[in-house]
Amino acid sequence: MDIVYLVNYFEDSYQARFGIPHTPIPQFQIARFEKCVDELELDEDDAITLINAYFDTVFRKPVDYRFGHFASSRILEILFLHKLY
């Protein structure tokens, strides 16, 4: 699994959606994302599905759709359960 590709895909999706580049993503958030991907046993296509689903989600409370929010284990688990399980 190419985590760098997935992070770049997220950043490109963010820019396409909001018209501005994503702020630099800290390494600890990338590591957390990689750990979640491993724990959920996602392949690259699954991870892309979750990224797309994240940007299509309308949350009850306003969110900034940043990588740190997406890469939290709880958000990924919820998206996984709704889209892939």
N, C-alpha and C. Protein backbone atom coordinates (compact mmCIF):
# COMPACT_ATOMS: atom_id res chain seq x y z
N MET A 1 0.85 -1.17 0.00
CA MET A 1 0.00 0.00 0.00
C MET A 1 0.90 1.24 0.00
N ASP A 2 0.57 2.15 -0.86
CA ASP A 2 1.35 3.38 -1.00
C ASP A 2 0.66 4.51 -0.23
N ILE A 3 1.07 4.69 1.01
CA ILE A 3 0.45 5.71 1.88
C ILE A 3 0.69 7.11 1.32
N VAL A 4 1.86 7.35 0.77
CA VAL A 4 2.15 8.67 0.20
C VAL A 4 1.17 8.98 -0.94
N TYR A 5 0.90 7.99 -1.78
CA TYR A 5 -0.07 8.18 -2.86
C TYR A 5 -1.44 8.54 -2.28
N LEU A 6 -1.85 7.85 -1.22
CA LEU A 6 -3.17 8.11 -0.63
C LEU A 6 -3.24 9.50 0.00
N VAL A 7 -2.17 9.91 0.65
CA VAL A 7 -2.13 11.26 1.23
C VAL A 7 -2.20 12.30 0.11
N ASN A 8 -1.46 12.07 -0.96
CA ASN A 8 -1.52 12.99 -2.10
C ASN A 8 -2.91 13.00 -2.73
N TYR A 9 -3.55 11.85 -2.81
CA TYR A 9 -4.91 11.77 -3.33
C TYR A 9 -5.85 12.60 -2.45
N PHE A 10 -5.69 12.49 -1.14
CA PHE A 10 -6.51 13.28 -0.22
C PHE A 10 -6.28 14.77 -0.46
N GLU A 11 -5.01 15.17 -0.54
CA GLU A 11 -4.70 16.59 -0.75
C GLU A 11 -5.27 17.10 -2.08
N ASP A 12 -5.14 16.30 -3.12
CA ASP A 12 -5.69 16.69 -4.43
C ASP A 12 -7.21 16.80 -4.37
N SER A 13 -7.85 15.88 -3.68
CA SER A 13 -9.30 15.91 -3.53
C SER A 13 -9.74 17.13 -2.74
N TYR A 14 -8.99 17.47 -1.71
CA TYR A 14 -9.29 18.65 -0.91
C TYR A 14 -9.21 19.91 -1.78
N GLN A 15 -8.13 20.01 -2.56
CA GLN A 15 -7.96 21.20 -3.40
C GLN A 15 -9.05 21.26 -4.48
N ALA A 16 -9.41 20.14 -5.04
CA ALA A 16 -10.47 20.12 -6.06
C ALA A 16 -11.81 20.55 -5.47
N ARG A 17 -12.04 20.18 -4.23
CA ARG A 17 -13.32 20.50 -3.59
C ARG A 17 -13.39 21.95 -3.12
N PHE A 18 -12.32 22.43 -2.51
CA PHE A 18 -12.35 23.74 -1.86
C PHE A 18 -11.60 24.84 -2.61
N GLY A 19 -10.84 24.47 -3.62
CA GLY A 19 -10.15 25.46 -4.43
C GLY A 19 -8.91 26.05 -3.79
N ILE A 20 -8.48 25.48 -2.69
CA ILE A 20 -7.26 25.93 -2.01
C ILE A 20 -6.45 24.70 -1.62
N PRO A 21 -5.13 24.84 -1.53
CA PRO A 21 -4.33 23.68 -1.12
C PRO A 21 -4.53 23.37 0.37
N HIS A 22 -4.39 22.10 0.69
CA HIS A 22 -4.45 21.67 2.09
C HIS A 22 -3.18 22.15 2.79
N THR A 23 -3.29 22.46 4.05
CA THR A 23 -2.10 22.82 4.83
C THR A 23 -1.17 21.61 4.93
N PRO A 24 0.11 21.82 5.20
CA PRO A 24 1.02 20.67 5.34
C PRO A 24 0.51 19.69 6.40
N ILE A 25 0.60 18.42 6.08
CA ILE A 25 0.09 17.38 6.98
C ILE A 25 1.23 16.87 7.84
N PRO A 26 1.08 16.95 9.16
CA PRO A 26 2.13 16.47 10.06
C PRO A 26 2.35 14.95 9.92
N GLN A 27 3.57 14.55 10.11
CA GLN A 27 3.93 13.13 9.98
C GLN A 27 3.14 12.26 10.95
N PHE A 28 2.84 12.75 12.15
CA PHE A 28 2.11 11.92 13.11
C PHE A 28 0.70 11.61 12.61
N GLN A 29 0.10 12.52 11.85
CA GLN A 29 -1.23 12.24 11.29
C GLN A 29 -1.15 11.20 10.18
N ILE A 30 -0.10 11.26 9.40
CA ILE A 30 0.11 10.25 8.35
C ILE A 30 0.33 8.89 8.99
N ALA A 31 1.13 8.84 10.05
CA ALA A 31 1.38 7.58 10.76
C ALA A 31 0.09 7.03 11.36
N ARG A 32 -0.75 7.90 11.91
CA ARG A 32 -2.03 7.47 12.48
C ARG A 32 -2.93 6.91 11.38
N PHE A 33 -2.96 7.57 10.23
CA PHE A 33 -3.74 7.09 9.10
C PHE A 33 -3.24 5.71 8.65
N GLU A 34 -1.94 5.57 8.54
CA GLU A 34 -1.37 4.28 8.13
C GLU A 34 -1.74 3.17 9.11
N LYS A 35 -1.70 3.48 10.39
CA LYS A 35 -2.07 2.49 11.41
C LYS A 35 -3.54 2.10 11.26
N CYS A 36 -4.41 3.07 11.04
CA CYS A 36 -5.84 2.78 10.87
C CYS A 36 -6.10 1.94 9.63
N VAL A 37 -5.40 2.28 8.54
CA VAL A 37 -5.54 1.52 7.30
C VAL A 37 -5.13 0.07 7.54
N ASP A 38 -4.04 -0.14 8.26
CA ASP A 38 -3.57 -1.49 8.57
C ASP A 38 -4.57 -2.23 9.46
N GLU A 39 -5.07 -1.55 10.49
CA GLU A 39 -6.00 -2.20 11.42
C GLU A 39 -7.32 -2.59 10.74
N LEU A 40 -7.77 -1.75 9.81
CA LEU A 40 -9.02 -2.04 9.10
C LEU A 40 -8.79 -2.95 7.90
N GLU A 41 -7.52 -3.28 7.64
CA GLU A 41 -7.14 -4.16 6.53
C GLU A 41 -7.66 -3.63 5.19
N LEU A 42 -7.44 -2.35 4.97
CA LEU A 42 -7.89 -1.71 3.73
C LEU A 42 -6.86 -1.89 2.63
N ASP A 43 -7.35 -2.06 1.42
CA ASP A 43 -6.43 -1.97 0.29
C ASP A 43 -6.53 -0.55 -0.27
N GLU A 44 -5.76 -0.27 -1.28
CA GLU A 44 -5.71 1.09 -1.82
C GLU A 44 -7.07 1.56 -2.33
N ASP A 45 -7.78 0.69 -3.02
CA ASP A 45 -9.11 1.04 -3.54
C ASP A 45 -10.09 1.34 -2.41
N ASP A 46 -10.01 0.56 -1.33
CA ASP A 46 -10.87 0.82 -0.16
C ASP A 46 -10.57 2.19 0.44
N ALA A 47 -9.29 2.50 0.57
CA ALA A 47 -8.91 3.79 1.16
C ALA A 47 -9.39 4.95 0.29
N ILE A 48 -9.29 4.80 -1.02
CA ILE A 48 -9.78 5.85 -1.92
C ILE A 48 -11.30 5.99 -1.80
N THR A 49 -11.99 4.88 -1.66
CA THR A 49 -13.44 4.92 -1.45
C THR A 49 -13.78 5.70 -0.19
N LEU A 50 -13.01 5.49 0.88
CA LEU A 50 -13.27 6.20 2.13
C LEU A 50 -12.93 7.68 2.02
N ILE A 51 -11.89 8.01 1.29
CA ILE A 51 -11.55 9.43 1.08
C ILE A 51 -12.69 10.12 0.33
N ASN A 52 -13.15 9.49 -0.74
CA ASN A 52 -14.26 10.06 -1.51
C ASN A 52 -15.52 10.18 -0.66
N ALA A 53 -15.79 9.16 0.13
CA ALA A 53 -16.97 9.19 1.01
C ALA A 53 -16.86 10.29 2.04
N TYR A 54 -15.66 10.52 2.54
CA TYR A 54 -15.44 11.58 3.53
C TYR A 54 -15.83 12.94 2.96
N PHE A 55 -15.37 13.22 1.74
CA PHE A 55 -15.67 14.52 1.14
C PHE A 55 -17.14 14.64 0.74
N ASP A 56 -17.82 13.51 0.59
CA ASP A 56 -19.26 13.53 0.27
C ASP A 56 -20.15 13.58 1.51
N THR A 57 -19.55 13.44 2.67
CA THR A 57 -20.31 13.40 3.92
C THR A 57 -20.65 14.82 4.39
N VAL A 58 -21.90 15.00 4.76
CA VAL A 58 -22.33 16.25 5.39
C VAL A 58 -22.43 15.97 6.89
N PHE A 59 -21.57 16.60 7.65
CA PHE A 59 -21.53 16.36 9.09
C PHE A 59 -22.53 17.28 9.80
N ARG A 60 -23.00 16.82 10.95
CA ARG A 60 -23.95 17.63 11.74
C ARG A 60 -23.32 18.93 12.21
N LYS A 61 -22.09 18.84 12.65
CA LYS A 61 -21.37 20.03 13.11
C LYS A 61 -20.41 20.44 12.00
N PRO A 62 -20.15 21.72 11.87
CA PRO A 62 -19.20 22.15 10.83
C PRO A 62 -17.81 21.54 11.06
N VAL A 63 -17.22 21.04 10.00
CA VAL A 63 -15.85 20.53 10.04
C VAL A 63 -15.07 21.18 8.90
N ASP A 64 -13.77 21.16 9.00
CA ASP A 64 -12.94 21.80 7.98
C ASP A 64 -12.46 20.81 6.91
N TYR A 65 -12.84 19.54 7.03
CA TYR A 65 -12.47 18.50 6.06
C TYR A 65 -10.95 18.39 5.90
N ARG A 66 -10.26 18.58 6.98
CA ARG A 66 -8.80 18.45 6.96
C ARG A 66 -8.40 17.00 7.22
N PHE A 67 -7.18 16.69 6.85
CA PHE A 67 -6.68 15.33 6.98
C PHE A 67 -6.71 14.84 8.43
N GLY A 68 -6.41 15.72 9.37
CA GLY A 68 -6.40 15.31 10.78
C GLY A 68 -7.74 14.80 11.24
N HIS A 69 -8.81 15.41 10.78
CA HIS A 69 -10.16 14.94 11.12
C HIS A 69 -10.43 13.62 10.43
N PHE A 70 -10.14 13.54 9.14
CA PHE A 70 -10.35 12.31 8.38
C PHE A 70 -9.57 11.14 8.96
N ALA A 71 -8.33 11.39 9.32
CA ALA A 71 -7.43 10.31 9.74
C ALA A 71 -7.64 9.87 11.19
N SER A 72 -8.59 10.46 11.89
CA SER A 72 -8.86 9.98 13.24
C SER A 72 -9.50 8.59 13.12
N SER A 73 -9.16 7.72 14.03
CA SER A 73 -9.63 6.34 13.93
C SER A 73 -11.16 6.26 13.94
N ARG A 74 -11.79 7.10 14.69
CA ARG A 74 -13.26 7.06 14.79
C ARG A 74 -13.94 7.39 13.46
N ILE A 75 -13.48 8.42 12.78
CA ILE A 75 -14.04 8.80 11.49
C ILE A 75 -13.82 7.69 10.47
N LEU A 76 -12.61 7.15 10.41
CA LEU A 76 -12.34 6.08 9.47
C LEU A 76 -13.19 4.84 9.76
N GLU A 77 -13.36 4.51 11.03
CA GLU A 77 -14.18 3.36 11.39
C GLU A 77 -15.63 3.55 10.96
N ILE A 78 -16.17 4.74 11.18
CA ILE A 78 -17.56 5.02 10.80
C ILE A 78 -17.72 4.94 9.29
N LEU A 79 -16.80 5.56 8.55
CA LEU A 79 -16.86 5.49 7.10
C LEU A 79 -16.72 4.04 6.62
N PHE A 80 -15.83 3.30 7.23
CA PHE A 80 -15.64 1.89 6.88
C PHE A 80 -16.94 1.11 7.08
N LEU A 81 -17.57 1.30 8.21
CA LEU A 81 -18.81 0.57 8.51
C LEU A 81 -19.94 0.95 7.55
N HIS A 82 -20.01 2.22 7.16
CA HIS A 82 -21.06 2.66 6.27
C HIS A 82 -20.81 2.33 4.81
N LYS A 83 -19.56 2.29 4.40
CA LYS A 83 -19.25 2.13 2.97
C LYS A 83 -18.70 0.77 2.56
N LEU A 84 -18.01 0.09 3.46
CA LEU A 84 -17.31 -1.12 3.05
C LEU A 84 -17.68 -2.39 3.81
N TYR A 85 -18.28 -2.27 4.95
CA TYR A 85 -18.53 -3.46 5.77
C TYR A 85 -19.81 -4.14 5.37
